[in-house]
Protein backbone atom coordinates (compact mmCIF):
# COMPACT_ATOMS: atom_id res chain seq x y z
CA MET A 1 0.00 0.00 0.00
CA ASN A 2 1.13 3.55 -0.73
CA TYR A 3 -0.17 7.10 -1.07
CA SER A 4 -0.76 7.11 -4.84
CA SER A 5 -4.10 5.28 -4.71
CA CYS A 6 -4.83 5.23 -1.02
CA GLU A 7 -6.35 2.11 0.54
CA LEU A 8 -4.80 2.41 4.00
CA CYS A 9 -8.10 2.56 5.86
CA PRO A 10 -11.43 0.78 5.27
CA ARG A 11 -12.79 3.73 3.30
CA ARG A 12 -10.37 2.91 0.47
CA CYS A 13 -10.99 6.31 -1.11
CA LEU A 14 -8.24 5.72 -3.74
CA ALA A 15 -7.07 9.33 -3.52
CA ASP A 16 -3.67 10.17 -4.98
CA ARG A 17 -2.44 11.90 -1.87
CA GLN A 18 0.60 13.25 -3.65
CA THR A 19 -1.70 15.67 -5.50
CA SER A 20 -4.98 15.69 -3.54
CA LEU A 21 -6.44 14.92 -0.13
CA GLY A 22 -8.44 11.82 0.68
CA PHE A 23 -11.20 11.31 3.25
CA CYS A 24 -8.69 11.82 6.06
CA ARG A 25 -7.64 15.21 4.59
CA CYS A 26 -3.98 14.26 4.83
CA GLY A 27 -1.10 14.53 2.40
CA VAL A 28 1.99 12.33 2.23
CA LEU A 29 4.19 13.95 4.88
CA PRO A 30 3.22 12.99 8.42
CA LYS A 31 1.72 15.92 10.30
CA VAL A 32 2.46 15.82 14.04
CA ALA A 33 0.90 18.03 16.73
CA ARG A 34 2.77 16.84 19.82
CA ALA A 35 5.55 14.42 20.78
CA ALA A 36 6.00 14.19 24.54
CA LEU A 37 5.85 11.98 27.62
CA HIS A 38 2.23 11.25 28.51
CA LEU A 39 1.01 9.95 31.88
CA TRP A 40 -2.68 9.39 31.15
CA GLU A 41 -2.66 6.07 29.33
CA GLU A 42 -3.34 2.75 31.07
CA PRO A 43 -0.88 2.25 33.98
CA CYS A 44 1.10 -0.49 32.24
CA ILE A 45 1.60 1.85 29.24
CA SER A 46 2.37 5.12 31.04
CA GLY A 47 4.36 3.61 33.90
CA ARG A 48 6.09 6.15 36.11
CA ARG A 49 7.96 8.15 33.48
CA GLY A 50 5.33 8.32 30.77
CA SER A 51 4.50 6.95 27.35
CA GLY A 52 6.32 8.57 24.42
CA THR A 53 3.23 9.73 22.58
CA VAL A 54 3.32 11.06 19.03
CA PHE A 55 -0.03 12.65 18.14
CA PHE A 56 -0.66 12.57 14.39
CA SER A 57 -3.08 14.99 12.72
CA GLY A 58 -6.03 13.81 10.67
CA CYS A 59 -8.20 10.75 11.18
CA THR A 60 -10.01 8.07 9.22
CA LEU A 61 -13.09 8.47 11.45
CA LYS A 62 -15.34 11.50 11.98
CA CYS A 63 -16.39 11.11 15.61
CA CYS A 64 -18.69 13.96 16.55
CA PHE A 65 -17.46 13.81 20.17
CA CYS A 66 -13.71 13.68 19.44
CA GLN A 67 -11.64 15.00 22.33
CA ASN A 68 -8.71 15.56 19.97
CA TYR A 69 -10.78 17.40 17.36
CA ALA A 70 -8.14 20.13 16.97
CA ILE A 71 -5.87 17.57 15.32
CA SER A 72 -8.38 15.04 13.98
CA SER A 73 -10.58 17.55 12.14
CA GLU A 74 -9.02 21.02 12.28
CA GLY A 75 -5.58 20.17 10.94
CA VAL A 76 -3.42 21.44 13.81
CA GLY A 77 0.12 20.11 13.42
CA LYS A 78 3.38 20.42 11.51
CA GLU A 79 4.46 18.37 8.52
CA ILE A 80 7.77 16.58 9.01
CA THR A 81 9.90 14.12 7.09
CA PRO A 82 10.23 10.43 7.99
CA ARG A 83 13.83 11.19 8.99
CA ARG A 84 12.67 13.79 11.52
CA LEU A 85 9.97 11.39 12.77
CA GLY A 86 12.58 8.72 13.40
CA ASP A 87 14.67 11.24 15.34
CA ILE A 88 11.60 12.08 17.45
CA PHE A 89 11.24 8.41 18.38
CA LEU A 90 14.86 8.33 19.58
CA GLU A 91 14.47 11.63 21.46
CA LEU A 92 11.44 10.31 23.33
CA GLU A 93 13.34 7.21 24.37
CA GLU A 94 16.23 9.39 25.57
CA LYS A 95 13.75 11.35 27.71
CA GLY A 96 12.80 8.13 29.49
CA ALA A 97 9.69 7.04 27.55
CA HIS A 98 8.62 3.49 28.37
CA ASN A 99 7.44 3.05 24.78
CA ILE A 100 6.83 4.88 21.50
CA ASN A 101 3.08 5.49 21.28
CA LEU A 102 1.73 6.23 17.79
CA VAL A 103 -1.64 7.97 18.21
CA THR A 104 -4.05 7.82 15.20
CA PRO A 105 -1.25 6.82 12.83
CA THR A 106 -2.94 4.83 10.04
CA GLN A 107 -3.24 7.66 7.51
CA TYR A 108 0.58 8.05 7.53
CA LEU A 109 1.55 4.41 7.73
CA PRO A 110 4.04 4.26 4.81
CA SER A 111 5.97 7.23 6.26
CA ILE A 112 5.87 5.78 9.78
CA LEU A 113 7.27 2.47 8.58
CA SER A 114 10.04 4.36 6.77
CA ALA A 115 10.85 6.23 9.98
CA LEU A 116 10.92 3.01 12.00
CA ASP A 117 13.16 1.36 9.40
CA LEU A 118 15.65 4.18 9.94
CA VAL A 119 15.85 3.86 13.74
CA ARG A 120 14.34 0.64 15.06
CA HIS A 121 17.76 -1.00 15.33
CA ARG A 122 18.46 1.67 17.97
CA LEU A 123 15.11 1.60 19.76
CA THR A 124 14.97 -0.57 22.87
CA VAL A 125 11.39 0.18 23.94
CA PRO A 126 8.13 -1.27 22.56
CA VAL A 127 6.16 0.43 19.79
CA VAL A 128 2.47 1.02 20.55
CA TYR A 129 -0.16 1.35 17.81
CA ASN A 130 -2.90 3.50 19.35
CA CYS A 131 -5.84 3.59 16.95
CA GLY A 132 -9.60 3.87 16.63
CA GLY A 133 -10.08 0.21 15.74
CA TYR A 134 -11.32 1.12 12.25
CA GLU A 135 -8.61 -0.74 10.36
CA ARG A 136 -8.11 -3.12 7.45
CA THR A 137 -6.58 -6.50 8.20
CA GLU A 138 -4.19 -5.87 5.28
CA THR A 139 -2.94 -2.77 7.09
CA ILE A 140 -2.39 -4.74 10.29
CA GLN A 141 -0.35 -7.26 8.31
CA MET A 142 1.94 -4.42 7.18
CA LEU A 143 2.75 -3.75 10.85
CA ASP A 144 4.04 -7.24 11.57
CA GLY A 145 7.51 -6.94 13.07
CA TYR A 146 7.11 -3.21 13.74
CA VAL A 147 4.46 -3.07 16.46
CA ASP A 148 4.68 -4.73 19.88
CA ILE A 149 1.51 -3.43 21.53
CA TYR A 150 -1.87 -2.63 19.99
CA LEU A 151 -4.16 -0.18 21.78
CA PRO A 152 -7.35 -0.14 19.64
CA ASP A 153 -10.71 1.35 20.47
CA LEU A 154 -13.77 -0.80 20.12
CA LYS A 155 -16.40 1.91 19.88
CA TYR A 156 -19.71 0.48 18.64
CA ARG A 157 -21.60 -2.73 18.02
CA SER A 158 -24.48 -0.97 16.27
CA SER A 159 -23.91 0.16 12.67
CA SER A 160 -26.58 2.86 13.05
CA LEU A 161 -24.69 4.36 16.00
CA SER A 162 -21.34 4.22 14.22
CA ALA A 163 -22.91 5.83 11.14
CA ARG A 164 -24.55 8.58 13.20
CA TYR A 165 -21.63 9.47 15.45
CA SER A 166 -18.53 8.52 13.40
CA ALA A 167 -19.68 8.44 9.75
CA ALA A 168 -18.67 4.78 9.55
CA PRO A 169 -21.59 2.35 9.20
CA ASP A 170 -19.09 -0.50 8.67
CA TYR A 171 -17.18 0.26 11.88
CA PHE A 172 -17.94 -2.99 13.75
CA LEU A 173 -17.51 -5.09 10.63
CA CYS A 174 -13.96 -3.74 10.26
CA ALA A 175 -13.01 -3.61 13.94
CA SER A 176 -14.28 -7.14 14.58
CA GLN A 177 -11.82 -8.41 11.96
CA ALA A 178 -8.91 -6.07 12.76
CA ILE A 179 -8.73 -6.73 16.51
CA PRO A 180 -8.46 -10.53 16.20
CA ALA A 181 -5.73 -9.93 13.59
CA MET A 182 -3.86 -7.79 16.11
CA ILE A 183 -4.13 -10.52 18.74
CA ARG A 184 -2.91 -13.19 16.33
CA GLN A 185 0.06 -11.03 15.41
CA VAL A 186 1.42 -10.03 18.84
CA GLY A 187 -0.01 -12.76 21.05
CA ALA A 188 -1.16 -12.72 24.65
CA PRO A 189 -0.22 -9.83 26.96
CA VAL A 190 3.31 -9.84 28.30
CA ILE A 191 3.82 -7.60 31.33
CA SER A 192 7.13 -7.29 33.15
CA GLU A 193 8.16 -5.67 36.40
CA LYS A 194 11.78 -5.09 35.53
CA GLU A 195 11.63 -1.54 36.90
CA GLY A 196 9.63 -2.42 40.00
CA TYR A 197 6.19 -1.77 38.50
CA PRO A 198 4.19 -3.46 35.73
CA LEU A 199 4.98 -2.42 32.18
CA MET A 200 3.52 -3.95 29.05
CA GLU A 201 6.03 -5.35 26.60
CA ARG A 202 3.67 -7.01 24.14
CA GLY A 203 -0.03 -7.64 23.60
CA VAL A 204 -3.38 -5.96 22.99
CA ILE A 205 -5.45 -3.67 25.19
CA ILE A 206 -8.98 -3.16 23.87
CA ARG A 207 -10.47 0.17 24.87
CA HIS A 208 -14.18 0.86 25.06
CA MET A 209 -15.56 4.26 26.05
CA VAL A 210 -19.10 4.16 27.42
CA LEU A 211 -21.36 6.69 25.67
CA PRO A 212 -24.33 8.46 27.28
CA GLY A 213 -27.52 6.47 26.85
CA GLN A 214 -25.77 3.61 25.04
CA LYS A 215 -25.02 1.10 27.79
CA GLU A 216 -26.90 -1.62 25.91
CA ASP A 217 -24.60 -1.21 22.93
CA SER A 218 -21.65 -1.42 25.31
CA LYS A 219 -23.03 -4.67 26.71
CA ALA A 220 -23.50 -6.07 23.20
CA LEU A 221 -19.86 -5.26 22.43
CA LEU A 222 -18.64 -6.91 25.61
CA SER A 223 -20.67 -10.02 24.80
CA TRP A 224 -18.96 -10.19 21.42
CA VAL A 225 -15.54 -9.78 23.04
CA ARG A 226 -16.26 -12.66 25.45
CA ASP A 227 -17.59 -14.93 22.70
CA ALA A 228 -15.20 -14.09 19.84
CA LEU A 229 -11.79 -13.59 21.44
CA PRO A 230 -9.73 -16.25 23.24
CA GLN A 231 -9.65 -15.88 27.00
CA GLY A 232 -6.34 -14.49 28.21
CA SER A 233 -5.39 -13.11 24.79
CA PHE A 234 -6.04 -9.42 25.58
CA LEU A 235 -6.75 -6.89 28.32
CA ILE A 236 -9.93 -4.81 28.40
CA SER A 237 -10.05 -1.11 29.34
CA ILE A 238 -13.49 0.36 30.04
CA LEU A 239 -13.39 4.16 29.87
CA SER A 240 -15.62 6.64 31.67
CA GLN A 241 -13.93 9.72 30.22
CA TYR A 242 -16.63 10.72 27.71
CA THR A 243 -16.98 14.50 27.71
CA PRO A 244 -19.16 16.46 25.25
CA PHE A 245 -16.69 17.92 22.75
CA PHE A 246 -16.59 19.19 19.21
CA ARG A 247 -20.01 18.55 17.56
CA SER A 248 -21.70 16.71 20.45
CA GLY A 249 -24.19 19.56 20.73
CA GLU A 250 -25.71 18.48 17.41
CA PHE A 251 -26.77 15.20 19.06
CA PRO A 252 -28.78 16.02 22.20
CA GLU A 253 -28.83 12.40 23.40
CA ILE A 254 -25.03 12.41 23.90
CA ASN A 255 -24.57 16.07 24.83
CA ARG A 256 -23.84 15.22 28.45
CA ARG A 257 -21.39 13.22 30.53
CA ILE A 258 -22.25 9.63 31.39
CA THR A 259 -23.70 8.91 34.80
CA THR A 260 -22.08 6.78 37.47
CA TYR A 261 -25.02 4.37 37.09
CA GLU A 262 -24.45 3.94 33.33
CA TYR A 263 -20.75 3.30 33.75
CA GLN A 264 -21.18 0.92 36.66
CA GLN A 265 -23.79 -1.06 34.74
CA VAL A 266 -21.27 -1.69 31.96
CA VAL A 267 -18.45 -2.56 34.37
CA ASP A 268 -20.71 -4.94 36.29
CA TYR A 269 -21.70 -6.63 33.04
CA ALA A 270 -18.05 -7.07 32.08
CA VAL A 271 -17.41 -8.76 35.44
CA GLU A 272 -20.47 -10.95 34.96
CA LEU A 273 -19.03 -12.08 31.61
CA GLY A 274 -15.67 -12.86 33.22
CA LEU A 275 -13.88 -9.95 31.55
CA THR A 276 -11.90 -9.05 34.63
CA GLU A 277 -8.37 -8.75 33.23
CA GLY A 278 -7.85 -5.07 32.53
CA PHE A 279 -8.71 -1.59 33.69
CA MET A 280 -11.57 0.69 34.64
CA GLN A 281 -11.50 4.46 35.13
CA LYS A 282 -12.54 6.73 37.94
CA LYS A 283 -15.42 9.01 36.97
CA SER A 284 -13.07 11.97 37.59
CA SER A 285 -11.35 11.03 34.32
CA ALA A 286 -14.14 12.82 32.40
CA ARG A 287 -12.36 16.16 32.50
CA GLU A 288 -11.25 18.44 29.69
CA GLU A 289 -7.82 18.99 31.24
CA TYR A 290 -6.88 15.39 30.44
CA THR A 291 -6.71 16.36 26.75
CA PRO A 292 -3.07 17.39 26.12
CA PRO A 293 -2.17 20.73 24.52
CA PHE A 294 -1.43 20.33 20.82
CA ASP A 295 1.31 22.93 20.86
CA LEU A 296 3.96 21.24 18.69
CA GLU A 297 6.01 20.24 21.73
CA GLY A 298 8.81 17.90 20.68
CA VAL A 299 8.09 18.33 16.96
């Protein structure tokens, strides 16, 4: 896959991104809005020193509630070369990053692989692929040997919800194929305590953010996870951090934070299903200040 007839994401818009923009509104040079240590991922990703997060601009989804809308939809960021991107990876490791965390990277995958080819013989920390779950299995295959940890969202079971809120009616169809491919590629979670606290070295963490009024869809997703994925092959992370952002006001039913009752209902259901290996959030996580500043730090 390349940029000349783009098929990197499930939309397969076939744009020649050397001369025009595709659905993601991205060109061929990776645009980065921030590259810094980040302490607000799951504990085994952030550790004590932080995850070396690289926030890429653009996105293959159009989530109306996106917390990172400044970069996903408004184009904040700076275009850099693959050489500079590789240097950023090394700089983050030198600052003490426990891993290199690629946030919404799919639209720049050829450039990211070029950057990793330049420096991965010098990297000693895992590479994390932090994505929305809306991926092609062919794209996941391209990442074999490059990625150690997958951190995908699993947003919706209902195609009507994914169409309404993310402009992706085929979201579950794609995510339900991509996530098993990730698990097959990197295997069961491997967590070490070499530094005196648990750090993930390899594996998959599936994230699900509970949406206001949609706890039944969350339960349907969790039922699929229990039935479709091998026990012990992943960790689950149930997020309470939903905050009305961006275009949430256009959808009154989600223009509020979730309640403690809604979140606890989903967590209790996960426990009932036996999905107990993973993480849950405190309700205090639903705060705007947890969104990092996209100020070109480290770029």
